[in-house]
Amino acid sequence: MKKIVGMTLALISSGSAYARQEVTVVEAKSLSDDRQVTLMGTISGRANDDHYLISRKARVSGKVDRDDGYSEINVDRVYIVK
């Protein structure tokens, strides 16, 4: 029983640590659907109400959304980096 609890805690800890790991746009595009990612960039433009172009100075966290050959990030949080 103690081994199962220990392994579960280890898996939860390793998963949340990865979720906070920053990746590049190229790396994010190659990840599987629903994978948690964090990107760093500048908001350089707005495509429409739900889509922004990012190059630097902002940190975005969310999930990879792969659909019909396209990859997007469904953003949960945006942090402005000073």
N, C-alpha and C. Protein backbone atom coordinates (compact mmCIF):
# COMPACT_ATOMS: atom_id res chain seq x y z
N MET A 1 0.82 -1.19 0.00
CA MET A 1 0.00 0.00 0.00
C MET A 1 0.86 1.26 0.00
N LYS A 2 1.93 1.28 0.83
CA LYS A 2 2.80 2.45 0.89
C LYS A 2 3.51 2.67 -0.44
N LYS A 3 3.88 1.57 -1.13
CA LYS A 3 4.55 1.70 -2.43
C LYS A 3 3.63 2.36 -3.45
N ILE A 4 2.36 1.96 -3.46
CA ILE A 4 1.40 2.52 -4.42
C ILE A 4 1.22 4.01 -4.17
N VAL A 5 1.06 4.41 -2.92
CA VAL A 5 0.89 5.82 -2.59
C VAL A 5 2.14 6.59 -2.99
N GLY A 6 3.33 6.05 -2.69
CA GLY A 6 4.58 6.71 -3.04
C GLY A 6 4.73 6.88 -4.54
N MET A 7 4.42 5.85 -5.31
CA MET A 7 4.52 5.93 -6.76
C MET A 7 3.51 6.92 -7.33
N THR A 8 2.30 6.95 -6.77
CA THR A 8 1.29 7.89 -7.23
C THR A 8 1.74 9.32 -6.99
N LEU A 9 2.28 9.59 -5.81
CA LEU A 9 2.78 10.93 -5.50
C LEU A 9 3.94 11.31 -6.42
N ALA A 10 4.81 10.37 -6.70
CA ALA A 10 5.94 10.63 -7.60
C ALA A 10 5.44 10.96 -9.00
N LEU A 11 4.46 10.21 -9.49
CA LEU A 11 3.91 10.48 -10.82
C LEU A 11 3.21 11.82 -10.88
N ILE A 12 2.46 12.16 -9.85
CA ILE A 12 1.78 13.46 -9.82
C ILE A 12 2.80 14.58 -9.79
N SER A 13 3.84 14.43 -8.99
CA SER A 13 4.88 15.45 -8.88
C SER A 13 5.61 15.62 -10.20
N SER A 14 5.96 14.53 -10.85
CA SER A 14 6.70 14.64 -12.11
C SER A 14 5.82 15.23 -13.20
N GLY A 15 4.53 14.94 -13.20
CA GLY A 15 3.62 15.50 -14.20
C GLY A 15 3.45 16.99 -14.03
N SER A 16 3.31 17.47 -12.80
CA SER A 16 3.13 18.89 -12.58
C SER A 16 4.42 19.64 -12.84
N ALA A 17 5.57 19.01 -12.59
CA ALA A 17 6.85 19.66 -12.88
C ALA A 17 7.00 19.85 -14.38
N TYR A 18 6.61 18.85 -15.17
CA TYR A 18 6.71 18.98 -16.61
C TYR A 18 5.76 20.05 -17.14
N ALA A 19 4.59 20.15 -16.55
CA ALA A 19 3.60 21.12 -17.02
C ALA A 19 4.15 22.53 -16.93
N ARG A 20 5.05 22.77 -15.99
CA ARG A 20 5.62 24.10 -15.83
C ARG A 20 6.86 24.30 -16.69
N GLN A 21 7.33 23.28 -17.35
CA GLN A 21 8.53 23.38 -18.17
C GLN A 21 8.22 24.15 -19.45
N GLU A 22 9.07 25.11 -19.77
CA GLU A 22 8.86 25.88 -20.99
C GLU A 22 9.35 25.09 -22.20
N VAL A 23 8.61 25.19 -23.30
CA VAL A 23 8.99 24.57 -24.57
C VAL A 23 8.96 25.62 -25.66
N THR A 24 9.60 25.34 -26.77
CA THR A 24 9.53 26.24 -27.92
C THR A 24 8.27 25.95 -28.72
N VAL A 25 7.94 26.83 -29.63
CA VAL A 25 6.77 26.63 -30.49
C VAL A 25 6.95 25.36 -31.32
N VAL A 26 8.15 25.15 -31.83
CA VAL A 26 8.44 23.96 -32.64
C VAL A 26 8.22 22.70 -31.80
N GLU A 27 8.70 22.70 -30.55
CA GLU A 27 8.50 21.55 -29.68
C GLU A 27 7.02 21.34 -29.37
N ALA A 28 6.29 22.43 -29.11
CA ALA A 28 4.86 22.33 -28.80
C ALA A 28 4.08 21.73 -29.96
N LYS A 29 4.46 22.08 -31.18
CA LYS A 29 3.77 21.55 -32.36
C LYS A 29 3.93 20.04 -32.49
N SER A 30 5.01 19.50 -31.95
CA SER A 30 5.25 18.06 -32.09
C SER A 30 4.68 17.24 -30.94
N LEU A 31 4.15 17.90 -29.89
CA LEU A 31 3.62 17.18 -28.74
C LEU A 31 2.22 16.65 -29.01
N SER A 32 1.82 15.69 -28.21
CA SER A 32 0.50 15.08 -28.39
C SER A 32 -0.62 16.02 -27.93
N ASP A 33 -1.82 15.72 -28.38
CA ASP A 33 -3.01 16.49 -28.04
C ASP A 33 -3.22 16.50 -26.52
N ASP A 34 -3.68 17.62 -25.99
CA ASP A 34 -3.99 17.81 -24.57
C ASP A 34 -2.76 17.83 -23.67
N ARG A 35 -1.57 17.94 -24.20
CA ARG A 35 -0.35 18.02 -23.40
C ARG A 35 -0.21 19.42 -22.83
N GLN A 36 0.09 19.54 -21.53
CA GLN A 36 0.29 20.85 -20.89
C GLN A 36 1.61 21.44 -21.35
N VAL A 37 1.61 22.71 -21.74
CA VAL A 37 2.82 23.39 -22.17
C VAL A 37 2.86 24.81 -21.63
N THR A 38 4.07 25.37 -21.60
CA THR A 38 4.27 26.78 -21.30
C THR A 38 5.21 27.33 -22.36
N LEU A 39 4.82 28.44 -22.97
CA LEU A 39 5.63 29.09 -23.99
C LEU A 39 5.99 30.49 -23.52
N MET A 40 7.13 31.00 -23.98
CA MET A 40 7.55 32.35 -23.66
C MET A 40 7.63 33.14 -24.95
N GLY A 41 7.07 34.33 -24.98
CA GLY A 41 7.11 35.15 -26.18
C GLY A 41 6.50 36.52 -25.97
N THR A 42 6.44 37.33 -27.02
CA THR A 42 5.81 38.64 -27.00
C THR A 42 4.51 38.55 -27.77
N ILE A 43 3.47 39.15 -27.25
CA ILE A 43 2.22 39.21 -28.01
C ILE A 43 2.45 40.26 -29.08
N SER A 44 2.56 39.82 -30.33
CA SER A 44 2.89 40.73 -31.42
C SER A 44 1.71 41.06 -32.32
N GLY A 45 0.59 40.39 -32.11
CA GLY A 45 -0.58 40.68 -32.93
C GLY A 45 -1.77 39.84 -32.52
N ARG A 46 -2.91 40.20 -33.07
CA ARG A 46 -4.15 39.50 -32.78
C ARG A 46 -4.79 39.06 -34.09
N ALA A 47 -5.01 37.77 -34.23
CA ALA A 47 -5.63 37.25 -35.45
C ALA A 47 -7.15 37.42 -35.42
N ASN A 48 -7.75 37.14 -34.25
CA ASN A 48 -9.18 37.34 -34.04
C ASN A 48 -9.45 37.30 -32.54
N ASP A 49 -10.70 37.17 -32.13
CA ASP A 49 -11.04 37.20 -30.70
C ASP A 49 -10.34 36.13 -29.88
N ASP A 50 -10.03 34.99 -30.48
CA ASP A 50 -9.45 33.87 -29.74
C ASP A 50 -8.01 33.55 -30.10
N HIS A 51 -7.43 34.21 -31.07
CA HIS A 51 -6.10 33.84 -31.56
C HIS A 51 -5.15 35.04 -31.53
N TYR A 52 -3.97 34.82 -30.92
CA TYR A 52 -2.94 35.85 -30.83
C TYR A 52 -1.64 35.31 -31.38
N LEU A 53 -0.80 36.20 -31.89
CA LEU A 53 0.53 35.84 -32.36
C LEU A 53 1.52 36.23 -31.26
N ILE A 54 2.42 35.33 -30.92
CA ILE A 54 3.33 35.58 -29.80
C ILE A 54 4.77 35.46 -30.26
N SER A 55 5.62 36.44 -29.87
CA SER A 55 7.04 36.34 -30.12
C SER A 55 7.91 36.50 -28.88
N ARG A 56 7.55 37.40 -27.86
CA ARG A 56 8.37 37.55 -26.64
C ARG A 56 7.65 38.29 -25.54
N LYS A 57 8.23 38.28 -24.35
CA LYS A 57 7.83 39.05 -23.18
C LYS A 57 6.52 38.64 -22.51
N ALA A 58 5.97 37.51 -22.86
CA ALA A 58 4.78 36.99 -22.18
C ALA A 58 4.98 35.49 -22.01
N ARG A 59 4.44 34.94 -20.93
CA ARG A 59 4.49 33.50 -20.69
C ARG A 59 3.05 32.99 -20.75
N VAL A 60 2.81 32.01 -21.60
CA VAL A 60 1.47 31.45 -21.74
C VAL A 60 1.49 29.97 -21.38
N SER A 61 0.48 29.54 -20.63
CA SER A 61 0.36 28.14 -20.24
C SER A 61 -0.99 27.63 -20.72
N GLY A 62 -1.00 26.42 -21.24
CA GLY A 62 -2.24 25.82 -21.70
C GLY A 62 -2.01 24.43 -22.24
N LYS A 63 -2.97 23.95 -23.03
CA LYS A 63 -2.91 22.60 -23.58
C LYS A 63 -2.78 22.66 -25.10
N VAL A 64 -2.03 21.70 -25.63
CA VAL A 64 -1.91 21.55 -27.08
C VAL A 64 -3.23 21.04 -27.62
N ASP A 65 -3.71 21.65 -28.70
CA ASP A 65 -4.94 21.21 -29.37
C ASP A 65 -4.59 20.90 -30.81
N ARG A 66 -4.56 19.62 -31.15
CA ARG A 66 -4.24 19.19 -32.53
C ARG A 66 -5.53 18.79 -33.21
N ASP A 67 -5.81 19.46 -34.33
CA ASP A 67 -7.05 19.19 -35.04
C ASP A 67 -6.85 19.46 -36.53
N ASP A 68 -7.21 18.51 -37.37
CA ASP A 68 -7.13 18.65 -38.83
C ASP A 68 -5.75 19.09 -39.31
N GLY A 69 -4.69 18.57 -38.69
CA GLY A 69 -3.34 18.89 -39.13
C GLY A 69 -2.77 20.18 -38.57
N TYR A 70 -3.53 20.92 -37.79
CA TYR A 70 -3.08 22.18 -37.20
C TYR A 70 -2.86 21.99 -35.71
N SER A 71 -1.91 22.72 -35.16
CA SER A 71 -1.66 22.71 -33.72
C SER A 71 -1.91 24.10 -33.17
N GLU A 72 -2.65 24.17 -32.07
CA GLU A 72 -2.91 25.42 -31.37
C GLU A 72 -2.68 25.17 -29.89
N ILE A 73 -2.59 26.25 -29.13
CA ILE A 73 -2.50 26.15 -27.68
C ILE A 73 -3.78 26.75 -27.12
N ASN A 74 -4.55 25.95 -26.38
CA ASN A 74 -5.71 26.47 -25.66
C ASN A 74 -5.18 27.04 -24.36
N VAL A 75 -5.09 28.37 -24.30
CA VAL A 75 -4.42 29.05 -23.20
C VAL A 75 -5.30 29.12 -21.96
N ASP A 76 -4.70 28.72 -20.82
CA ASP A 76 -5.37 28.83 -19.53
C ASP A 76 -4.94 30.11 -18.82
N ARG A 77 -3.66 30.47 -18.95
CA ARG A 77 -3.12 31.63 -18.25
C ARG A 77 -2.10 32.37 -19.10
N VAL A 78 -2.09 33.70 -18.92
CA VAL A 78 -1.10 34.55 -19.57
C VAL A 78 -0.41 35.35 -18.47
N TYR A 79 0.91 35.33 -18.47
CA TYR A 79 1.70 36.09 -17.50
C TYR A 79 2.54 37.11 -18.28
N ILE A 80 2.46 38.36 -17.90
CA ILE A 80 3.28 39.39 -18.52
C ILE A 80 4.64 39.38 -17.81
N VAL A 81 5.71 39.26 -18.58
CA VAL A 81 7.07 39.18 -18.03
C VAL A 81 7.71 40.56 -18.17
N LYS A 82 8.24 41.05 -17.07
CA LYS A 82 8.88 42.38 -17.09
C LYS A 82 10.36 42.29 -17.25
